[in-house]
Amino acid sequence: MKKLIFLAVLLVSFTACNYYDAFPPEMVSYFPYAKNQKLTFRNENGCLTSLTVNEMYVSKKHSQYWGVKCGGADMRFSTQNDTMTIQGNMNIPCMSNGVGFALEIFLSAGNVEYWKDYSGDAYSAQMLSEIGDTIRFTNDDKEAIVVRHEGLIQFFDTQHNCTWTLIK
């Protein structure tokens, strides 16, 4: 009987879950896109290009099995037209009830890849204020700018050797 109780407790322990928060809505506001949304950009020569958002994913509250100490939260998007693709990903690699905050941002625009990392004790309004309303990415002499509640507003395109600016 003791063995049976021990096995039952062991089984419950191994199947119990840890719950992890959804990706913070405040962070989604840096890439506030919806599937099928069109983004139109103009370059310094007056040429226009439009891209359609073909993927927009934001993780929801989820669980991990017992023994998994960390569960991440993420959001990602991608847009494309005939000649260009823009992709972005924001990832919180370990998050449980807002504790253990780190944010990794990846952006690929105009054939240039950009990364930014932020870290702190916990996800909070303080971390959001540290990031600020504008995120400037640089890679060598190339730049991309993301503005909260607007998304990607400017990026350098190596293929066309120009800078594209979002038309609002």
N, C-alpha and C. Protein backbone atom coordinates (compact mmCIF):
# COMPACT_ATOMS: atom_id res chain seq x y z
N MET A 1 0.82 -1.19 0.00
CA MET A 1 0.00 0.00 0.00
C MET A 1 0.87 1.26 0.00
N LYS A 2 1.95 1.24 0.80
CA LYS A 2 2.83 2.40 0.85
C LYS A 2 3.46 2.65 -0.52
N LYS A 3 3.81 1.56 -1.22
CA LYS A 3 4.38 1.71 -2.55
C LYS A 3 3.37 2.33 -3.51
N LEU A 4 2.10 1.95 -3.39
CA LEU A 4 1.05 2.48 -4.25
C LEU A 4 0.86 3.98 -3.99
N ILE A 5 0.84 4.39 -2.73
CA ILE A 5 0.71 5.81 -2.39
C ILE A 5 1.92 6.58 -2.90
N PHE A 6 3.10 6.02 -2.70
CA PHE A 6 4.33 6.66 -3.18
C PHE A 6 4.27 6.84 -4.71
N LEU A 7 3.86 5.82 -5.43
CA LEU A 7 3.76 5.90 -6.89
C LEU A 7 2.72 6.93 -7.32
N ALA A 8 1.60 7.01 -6.60
CA ALA A 8 0.56 8.00 -6.93
C ALA A 8 1.09 9.42 -6.72
N VAL A 9 1.78 9.67 -5.62
CA VAL A 9 2.37 10.99 -5.35
C VAL A 9 3.41 11.33 -6.40
N LEU A 10 4.23 10.35 -6.75
CA LEU A 10 5.25 10.55 -7.77
C LEU A 10 4.62 10.88 -9.13
N LEU A 11 3.56 10.17 -9.50
CA LEU A 11 2.88 10.42 -10.76
C LEU A 11 2.28 11.82 -10.79
N VAL A 12 1.63 12.25 -9.72
CA VAL A 12 1.06 13.60 -9.65
C VAL A 12 2.17 14.63 -9.75
N SER A 13 3.29 14.38 -9.10
CA SER A 13 4.42 15.33 -9.14
C SER A 13 4.93 15.51 -10.56
N PHE A 14 5.02 14.43 -11.31
CA PHE A 14 5.56 14.51 -12.66
C PHE A 14 4.58 15.09 -13.67
N THR A 15 3.29 15.04 -13.37
CA THR A 15 2.31 15.56 -14.33
C THR A 15 1.82 16.96 -13.94
N ALA A 16 2.21 17.46 -12.77
CA ALA A 16 1.80 18.81 -12.36
C ALA A 16 2.45 19.83 -13.28
N CYS A 17 1.77 20.94 -13.44
CA CYS A 17 2.25 21.96 -14.37
C CYS A 17 2.61 23.25 -13.65
N ASN A 18 3.52 23.97 -14.23
CA ASN A 18 3.81 25.33 -13.83
C ASN A 18 3.14 26.23 -14.86
N TYR A 19 2.51 27.31 -14.42
CA TYR A 19 1.82 28.21 -15.34
C TYR A 19 2.66 29.46 -15.59
N TYR A 20 2.68 29.88 -16.85
CA TYR A 20 3.50 31.01 -17.26
C TYR A 20 2.63 32.06 -17.94
N ASP A 21 2.99 33.29 -17.74
CA ASP A 21 2.21 34.40 -18.27
C ASP A 21 2.24 34.45 -19.79
N ALA A 22 1.24 35.11 -20.33
CA ALA A 22 1.21 35.39 -21.77
C ALA A 22 2.24 36.48 -22.07
N PHE A 23 2.55 36.64 -23.34
CA PHE A 23 3.45 37.72 -23.73
C PHE A 23 2.80 39.04 -23.34
N PRO A 24 3.53 39.95 -22.67
CA PRO A 24 2.92 41.19 -22.16
C PRO A 24 2.33 42.06 -23.28
N PRO A 25 1.06 42.43 -23.17
CA PRO A 25 0.43 43.26 -24.21
C PRO A 25 1.15 44.58 -24.44
N GLU A 26 1.76 45.11 -23.39
CA GLU A 26 2.49 46.38 -23.54
C GLU A 26 3.65 46.24 -24.52
N MET A 27 4.25 45.05 -24.57
CA MET A 27 5.37 44.82 -25.47
C MET A 27 4.90 44.59 -26.90
N VAL A 28 3.71 44.01 -27.06
CA VAL A 28 3.16 43.80 -28.41
C VAL A 28 2.97 45.14 -29.11
N SER A 29 2.79 46.20 -28.33
CA SER A 29 2.54 47.53 -28.92
C SER A 29 3.72 48.05 -29.75
N TYR A 30 4.89 47.42 -29.65
CA TYR A 30 6.01 47.82 -30.50
C TYR A 30 5.83 47.31 -31.94
N PHE A 31 5.10 46.23 -32.08
CA PHE A 31 4.77 45.69 -33.41
C PHE A 31 3.25 45.45 -33.43
N PRO A 32 2.45 46.53 -33.50
CA PRO A 32 0.99 46.41 -33.33
C PRO A 32 0.27 46.02 -34.62
N TYR A 33 0.64 44.90 -35.17
CA TYR A 33 0.13 44.51 -36.48
C TYR A 33 -1.00 43.49 -36.36
N ALA A 34 -1.78 43.41 -37.42
CA ALA A 34 -2.83 42.40 -37.54
C ALA A 34 -2.60 41.66 -38.85
N LYS A 35 -2.98 40.41 -38.87
CA LYS A 35 -2.82 39.61 -40.09
C LYS A 35 -3.57 40.28 -41.24
N ASN A 36 -2.95 40.29 -42.41
CA ASN A 36 -3.46 40.90 -43.65
C ASN A 36 -3.39 42.43 -43.67
N GLN A 37 -2.83 43.04 -42.65
CA GLN A 37 -2.64 44.49 -42.64
C GLN A 37 -1.60 44.87 -43.68
N LYS A 38 -1.80 45.97 -44.36
CA LYS A 38 -0.83 46.46 -45.35
C LYS A 38 -0.01 47.58 -44.72
N LEU A 39 1.31 47.50 -44.92
CA LEU A 39 2.24 48.53 -44.48
C LEU A 39 2.84 49.15 -45.74
N THR A 40 2.74 50.46 -45.87
CA THR A 40 3.26 51.14 -47.06
C THR A 40 4.42 52.03 -46.66
N PHE A 41 5.51 51.91 -47.41
CA PHE A 41 6.73 52.67 -47.16
C PHE A 41 7.10 53.46 -48.41
N ARG A 42 7.77 54.59 -48.20
CA ARG A 42 8.29 55.43 -49.30
C ARG A 42 9.79 55.59 -49.07
N ASN A 43 10.56 55.53 -50.16
CA ASN A 43 12.00 55.78 -50.02
C ASN A 43 12.31 57.23 -50.40
N GLU A 44 13.57 57.59 -50.27
CA GLU A 44 13.97 58.99 -50.52
C GLU A 44 13.84 59.39 -51.98
N ASN A 45 13.67 58.42 -52.89
CA ASN A 45 13.46 58.71 -54.31
C ASN A 45 11.98 58.85 -54.66
N GLY A 46 11.09 58.67 -53.67
CA GLY A 46 9.66 58.78 -53.89
C GLY A 46 9.00 57.48 -54.30
N CYS A 47 9.76 56.39 -54.39
CA CYS A 47 9.18 55.08 -54.75
C CYS A 47 8.40 54.54 -53.55
N LEU A 48 7.31 53.82 -53.84
CA LEU A 48 6.48 53.22 -52.80
C LEU A 48 6.61 51.71 -52.84
N THR A 49 6.47 51.09 -51.68
CA THR A 49 6.37 49.64 -51.59
C THR A 49 5.37 49.32 -50.49
N SER A 50 4.54 48.31 -50.71
CA SER A 50 3.58 47.86 -49.70
C SER A 50 3.89 46.41 -49.36
N LEU A 51 3.79 46.11 -48.09
CA LEU A 51 3.99 44.76 -47.60
C LEU A 51 2.74 44.34 -46.84
N THR A 52 2.39 43.07 -46.93
CA THR A 52 1.22 42.54 -46.23
C THR A 52 1.68 41.67 -45.08
N VAL A 53 1.09 41.89 -43.90
CA VAL A 53 1.39 41.06 -42.73
C VAL A 53 0.76 39.69 -42.97
N ASN A 54 1.60 38.67 -43.09
CA ASN A 54 1.07 37.32 -43.33
C ASN A 54 1.13 36.44 -42.10
N GLU A 55 1.79 36.92 -41.03
CA GLU A 55 1.79 36.18 -39.77
C GLU A 55 1.86 37.17 -38.63
N MET A 56 1.02 36.95 -37.62
CA MET A 56 1.08 37.71 -36.38
C MET A 56 0.72 36.74 -35.27
N TYR A 57 1.69 36.43 -34.41
CA TYR A 57 1.49 35.46 -33.34
C TYR A 57 1.90 36.08 -32.02
N VAL A 58 1.06 35.91 -31.00
CA VAL A 58 1.37 36.36 -29.64
C VAL A 58 1.02 35.22 -28.70
N SER A 59 2.01 34.76 -27.92
CA SER A 59 1.75 33.62 -27.03
C SER A 59 0.78 33.99 -25.92
N LYS A 60 -0.02 33.03 -25.56
CA LYS A 60 -1.01 33.18 -24.49
C LYS A 60 -0.46 32.55 -23.22
N LYS A 61 -1.19 32.71 -22.12
CA LYS A 61 -0.80 32.05 -20.87
C LYS A 61 -0.72 30.55 -21.14
N HIS A 62 0.30 29.91 -20.64
CA HIS A 62 0.49 28.50 -20.93
C HIS A 62 1.13 27.79 -19.75
N SER A 63 1.20 26.49 -19.87
CA SER A 63 1.78 25.69 -18.80
C SER A 63 2.92 24.84 -19.33
N GLN A 64 3.81 24.50 -18.42
CA GLN A 64 4.90 23.58 -18.70
C GLN A 64 4.83 22.46 -17.67
N TYR A 65 5.29 21.29 -18.06
CA TYR A 65 5.25 20.15 -17.14
C TYR A 65 6.22 20.35 -15.98
N TRP A 66 5.94 19.66 -14.89
CA TRP A 66 6.80 19.71 -13.73
C TRP A 66 8.22 19.37 -14.14
N GLY A 67 9.16 20.05 -13.55
CA GLY A 67 10.55 19.82 -13.88
C GLY A 67 11.08 20.83 -14.87
N VAL A 68 10.18 21.50 -15.60
CA VAL A 68 10.60 22.57 -16.51
C VAL A 68 10.60 23.85 -15.69
N LYS A 69 11.77 24.40 -15.46
CA LYS A 69 11.89 25.55 -14.56
C LYS A 69 11.53 26.86 -15.24
N CYS A 70 11.55 26.91 -16.54
CA CYS A 70 11.32 28.16 -17.24
C CYS A 70 10.38 27.96 -18.40
N GLY A 71 9.48 28.89 -18.58
CA GLY A 71 8.61 28.88 -19.74
C GLY A 71 8.67 30.25 -20.37
N GLY A 72 8.88 30.31 -21.64
CA GLY A 72 9.02 31.60 -22.30
C GLY A 72 7.70 32.11 -22.86
N ALA A 73 7.73 33.35 -23.25
CA ALA A 73 6.61 33.98 -23.92
C ALA A 73 7.19 34.71 -25.13
N ASP A 74 6.44 34.72 -26.24
CA ASP A 74 6.98 35.40 -27.40
C ASP A 74 5.89 35.93 -28.32
N MET A 75 6.30 36.80 -29.21
CA MET A 75 5.45 37.28 -30.28
C MET A 75 6.31 37.36 -31.52
N ARG A 76 5.67 37.17 -32.68
CA ARG A 76 6.42 37.27 -33.93
C ARG A 76 5.48 37.72 -35.04
N PHE A 77 6.08 38.32 -36.04
CA PHE A 77 5.30 38.74 -37.19
C PHE A 77 6.17 38.59 -38.43
N SER A 78 5.53 38.54 -39.58
CA SER A 78 6.27 38.60 -40.84
C SER A 78 5.38 39.29 -41.88
N THR A 79 6.04 40.02 -42.77
CA THR A 79 5.37 40.71 -43.86
C THR A 79 6.16 40.42 -45.12
N GLN A 80 5.50 40.56 -46.25
CA GLN A 80 6.26 40.38 -47.49
C GLN A 80 5.52 40.97 -48.67
N ASN A 81 6.29 41.23 -49.71
CA ASN A 81 5.76 41.53 -51.03
C ASN A 81 6.61 40.74 -52.02
N ASP A 82 6.58 41.11 -53.28
CA ASP A 82 7.32 40.33 -54.29
C ASP A 82 8.84 40.41 -54.14
N THR A 83 9.34 41.49 -53.56
CA THR A 83 10.79 41.70 -53.52
C THR A 83 11.38 41.78 -52.11
N MET A 84 10.54 41.82 -51.09
CA MET A 84 11.06 42.09 -49.76
C MET A 84 10.28 41.32 -48.69
N THR A 85 10.97 40.94 -47.64
CA THR A 85 10.36 40.31 -46.47
C THR A 85 10.87 41.03 -45.23
N ILE A 86 9.95 41.29 -44.31
CA ILE A 86 10.32 41.86 -43.00
C ILE A 86 9.79 40.91 -41.95
N GLN A 87 10.65 40.54 -41.00
CA GLN A 87 10.26 39.64 -39.92
C GLN A 87 10.72 40.22 -38.59
N GLY A 88 9.96 39.96 -37.57
CA GLY A 88 10.34 40.39 -36.24
C GLY A 88 9.95 39.36 -35.21
N ASN A 89 10.69 39.34 -34.11
CA ASN A 89 10.41 38.42 -33.01
C ASN A 89 10.82 39.09 -31.72
N MET A 90 9.94 39.04 -30.73
CA MET A 90 10.28 39.47 -29.37
C MET A 90 10.09 38.25 -28.49
N ASN A 91 11.09 37.94 -27.68
CA ASN A 91 11.08 36.71 -26.90
C ASN A 91 11.47 37.00 -25.46
N ILE A 92 10.68 36.48 -24.55
CA ILE A 92 11.04 36.49 -23.13
C ILE A 92 11.35 35.04 -22.80
N PRO A 93 12.64 34.68 -22.73
CA PRO A 93 13.00 33.27 -22.63
C PRO A 93 12.55 32.58 -21.36
N CYS A 94 12.38 33.32 -20.26
CA CYS A 94 11.99 32.69 -19.01
C CYS A 94 11.06 33.65 -18.28
N MET A 95 9.80 33.26 -18.10
CA MET A 95 8.87 34.16 -17.45
C MET A 95 7.83 33.36 -16.70
N SER A 96 7.70 33.61 -15.41
CA SER A 96 6.66 33.00 -14.59
C SER A 96 6.16 34.06 -13.63
N ASN A 97 4.92 34.44 -13.79
CA ASN A 97 4.32 35.49 -12.97
C ASN A 97 5.15 36.77 -12.97
N GLY A 98 5.72 37.10 -14.12
CA GLY A 98 6.45 38.34 -14.27
C GLY A 98 7.85 38.33 -13.70
N VAL A 99 8.32 37.20 -13.21
CA VAL A 99 9.64 37.13 -12.56
C VAL A 99 10.67 36.61 -13.56
N GLY A 100 11.89 37.11 -13.46
CA GLY A 100 12.98 36.63 -14.30
C GLY A 100 12.90 37.20 -15.69
N PHE A 101 12.90 38.52 -15.80
CA PHE A 101 12.64 39.16 -17.07
C PHE A 101 13.89 39.35 -17.91
N ALA A 102 13.81 38.95 -19.14
CA ALA A 102 14.80 39.29 -20.17
C ALA A 102 14.01 39.41 -21.45
N LEU A 103 14.39 40.31 -22.31
CA LEU A 103 13.70 40.50 -23.57
C LEU A 103 14.73 40.49 -24.68
N GLU A 104 14.49 39.67 -25.67
CA GLU A 104 15.34 39.61 -26.85
C GLU A 104 14.49 40.03 -28.04
N ILE A 105 15.00 40.98 -28.82
CA ILE A 105 14.27 41.45 -30.00
C ILE A 105 15.11 41.18 -31.23
N PHE A 106 14.50 40.55 -32.21
CA PHE A 106 15.14 40.29 -33.49
C PHE A 106 14.30 40.96 -34.57
N LEU A 107 14.96 41.63 -35.51
CA LEU A 107 14.28 42.26 -36.63
C LEU A 107 15.11 42.03 -37.88
N SER A 108 14.46 41.59 -38.93
CA SER A 108 15.12 41.43 -40.22
C SER A 108 14.34 42.29 -41.21
N ALA A 109 14.99 43.33 -41.72
CA ALA A 109 14.32 44.27 -42.64
C ALA A 109 15.32 44.75 -43.67
N GLY A 110 14.94 44.77 -44.93
CA GLY A 110 15.83 45.26 -45.98
C GLY A 110 17.11 44.47 -46.10
N ASN A 111 17.03 43.16 -45.86
CA ASN A 111 18.19 42.27 -45.92
C ASN A 111 19.25 42.58 -44.86
N VAL A 112 18.84 43.18 -43.76
CA VAL A 112 19.73 43.45 -42.63
C VAL A 112 19.09 42.83 -41.39
N GLU A 113 19.91 42.20 -40.55
CA GLU A 113 19.41 41.61 -39.31
C GLU A 113 19.87 42.46 -38.13
N TYR A 114 18.94 42.68 -37.20
CA TYR A 114 19.19 43.51 -36.02
C TYR A 114 18.80 42.74 -34.77
N TRP A 115 19.51 42.98 -33.65
CA TRP A 115 19.18 42.39 -32.36
C TRP A 115 19.29 43.44 -31.28
N LYS A 116 18.45 43.28 -30.24
CA LYS A 116 18.54 44.08 -29.02
C LYS A 116 18.21 43.16 -27.87
N ASP A 117 18.87 43.35 -26.75
CA ASP A 117 18.59 42.58 -25.54
C ASP A 117 18.37 43.54 -24.37
N TYR A 118 17.41 43.22 -23.54
CA TYR A 118 17.16 43.96 -22.31
C TYR A 118 17.01 42.93 -21.20
N SER A 119 17.40 43.29 -19.97
CA SER A 119 17.21 42.36 -18.86
C SER A 119 16.97 43.14 -17.58
N GLY A 120 16.36 42.46 -16.63
CA GLY A 120 16.06 43.07 -15.34
C GLY A 120 15.58 42.01 -14.37
N ASP A 121 15.20 42.44 -13.18
CA ASP A 121 14.76 41.50 -12.16
C ASP A 121 13.38 40.93 -12.45
N ALA A 122 12.52 41.75 -13.04
CA ALA A 122 11.16 41.30 -13.33
C ALA A 122 10.58 42.19 -14.40
N TYR A 123 9.59 41.66 -15.13
CA TYR A 123 8.90 42.50 -16.10
C TYR A 123 8.08 43.52 -15.32
N SER A 124 8.21 44.77 -15.68
CA SER A 124 7.50 45.82 -14.96
C SER A 124 7.44 47.07 -15.83
N ALA A 125 6.68 48.04 -15.35
CA ALA A 125 6.60 49.32 -16.03
C ALA A 125 7.98 49.96 -16.07
N GLN A 126 8.82 49.68 -15.07
CA GLN A 126 10.18 50.22 -15.05
C GLN A 126 10.98 49.69 -16.24
N MET A 127 10.83 48.41 -16.55
CA MET A 127 11.53 47.84 -17.69
C MET A 127 11.02 48.47 -18.98
N LEU A 128 9.71 48.68 -19.07
CA LEU A 128 9.12 49.30 -20.25
C LEU A 128 9.66 50.71 -20.42
N SER A 129 9.81 51.45 -19.33
CA SER A 129 10.35 52.81 -19.44
C SER A 129 11.83 52.79 -19.82
N GLU A 130 12.57 51.74 -19.42
CA GLU A 130 13.97 51.62 -19.81
C GLU A 130 14.09 51.43 -21.33
N ILE A 131 13.19 50.64 -21.89
CA ILE A 131 13.19 50.42 -23.34
C ILE A 131 12.77 51.69 -24.05
N GLY A 132 11.78 52.40 -23.53
CA GLY A 132 11.34 53.66 -24.11
C GLY A 132 10.36 53.47 -25.25
N ASP A 133 9.90 54.57 -25.81
CA ASP A 133 8.94 54.52 -26.91
C ASP A 133 9.59 54.24 -28.25
N THR A 134 10.87 54.51 -28.37
CA THR A 134 11.57 54.32 -29.65
C THR A 134 12.74 53.36 -29.46
N ILE A 135 12.79 52.35 -30.33
CA ILE A 135 13.90 51.41 -30.33
C ILE A 135 14.68 51.64 -31.61
N ARG A 136 15.94 52.02 -31.48
CA ARG A 136 16.83 52.21 -32.63
C ARG A 136 17.76 51.01 -32.73
N PHE A 137 17.70 50.37 -33.87
CA PHE A 137 18.57 49.24 -34.15
C PHE A 137 19.66 49.72 -35.09
N THR A 138 20.88 49.27 -34.87
CA THR A 138 21.97 49.57 -35.80
C THR A 138 22.76 48.30 -36.08
N ASN A 139 23.22 48.22 -37.30
CA ASN A 139 24.08 47.12 -37.72
C ASN A 139 25.04 47.74 -38.73
N ASP A 140 26.29 47.89 -38.32
CA ASP A 140 27.28 48.64 -39.10
C ASP A 140 26.72 50.04 -39.32
N ASP A 141 26.60 50.49 -40.55
CA ASP A 141 26.08 51.83 -40.80
C ASP A 141 24.59 51.82 -41.18
N LYS A 142 23.92 50.70 -40.97
CA LYS A 142 22.51 50.57 -41.32
C LYS A 142 21.67 50.73 -40.06
N GLU A 143 20.45 51.26 -40.24
CA GLU A 143 19.60 51.54 -39.09
C GLU A 143 18.15 51.17 -39.39
N ALA A 144 17.45 50.76 -38.33
CA ALA A 144 16.01 50.55 -38.38
C ALA A 144 15.44 51.19 -37.12
N ILE A 145 14.23 51.75 -37.23
CA ILE A 145 13.60 52.43 -36.09
C ILE A 145 12.21 51.85 -35.89
N VAL A 146 11.92 51.47 -34.64
CA VAL A 146 10.61 50.97 -34.25
C VAL A 146 10.06 51.92 -33.19
N VAL A 147 8.80 52.33 -33.36
CA VAL A 147 8.15 53.24 -32.42
C VAL A 147 6.94 52.54 -31.83
N ARG A 148 6.82 52.63 -30.53
CA ARG A 148 5.70 52.01 -29.82
C ARG A 148 4.38 52.53 -30.37
N HIS A 149 3.43 51.65 -30.56
CA HIS A 149 2.09 51.90 -31.11
C HIS A 149 2.09 52.18 -32.60
N GLU A 150 3.26 52.24 -33.24
CA GLU A 150 3.33 52.45 -34.69
C GLU A 150 4.03 51.31 -35.41
N GLY A 151 4.99 50.67 -34.75
CA GLY A 151 5.74 49.59 -35.36
C GLY A 151 6.99 50.09 -36.06
N LEU A 152 7.41 49.34 -37.06
CA LEU A 152 8.61 49.69 -37.82
C LEU A 152 8.29 50.93 -38.65
N ILE A 153 9.03 52.02 -38.41
CA ILE A 153 8.75 53.25 -39.16
C ILE A 153 9.84 53.58 -40.16
N GLN A 154 11.02 52.95 -40.01
CA GLN A 154 12.10 53.25 -40.95
C GLN A 154 13.12 52.12 -40.94
N PHE A 155 13.66 51.80 -42.14
CA PHE A 155 14.72 50.81 -42.21
C PHE A 155 15.52 51.02 -43.49
N PHE A 156 16.77 50.58 -43.44
CA PHE A 156 17.65 50.65 -44.60
C PHE A 156 17.53 49.36 -45.38
N ASP A 157 17.46 49.48 -46.71
CA ASP A 157 17.31 48.33 -47.61
C ASP A 157 18.60 48.18 -48.41
N THR A 158 19.36 47.12 -48.15
CA THR A 158 20.63 46.93 -48.86
C THR A 158 20.44 46.57 -50.33
N GLN A 159 19.35 45.85 -50.64
CA GLN A 159 19.10 45.45 -52.02
C GLN A 159 18.88 46.67 -52.93
N HIS A 160 18.15 47.66 -52.43
CA HIS A 160 17.84 48.86 -53.22
C HIS A 160 18.72 50.06 -52.82
N ASN A 161 19.58 49.87 -51.82
CA ASN A 161 20.49 50.91 -51.34
C ASN A 161 19.73 52.20 -51.01
N CYS A 162 18.69 52.07 -50.19
CA CYS A 162 17.89 53.23 -49.82
C CYS A 162 17.26 53.01 -48.45
N THR A 163 16.70 54.09 -47.91
CA THR A 163 15.98 54.02 -46.64
C THR A 163 14.49 54.15 -46.93
N TRP A 164 13.72 53.23 -46.33
CA TRP A 164 12.26 53.25 -46.48
C TRP A 164 11.65 53.82 -45.21
N THR A 165 10.65 54.69 -45.37
CA THR A 165 9.95 55.32 -44.23
C THR A 165 8.47 55.01 -44.33
N LEU A 166 7.88 54.62 -43.21
CA LEU A 166 6.46 54.26 -43.16
C LEU A 166 5.61 55.48 -43.51
N ILE A 167 4.61 55.26 -44.35
CA ILE A 167 3.61 56.31 -44.64
C ILE A 167 2.47 56.07 -43.69
N LYS A 168 2.17 57.07 -42.87
CA LYS A 168 1.11 56.93 -41.84
C LYS A 168 -0.23 57.30 -42.42
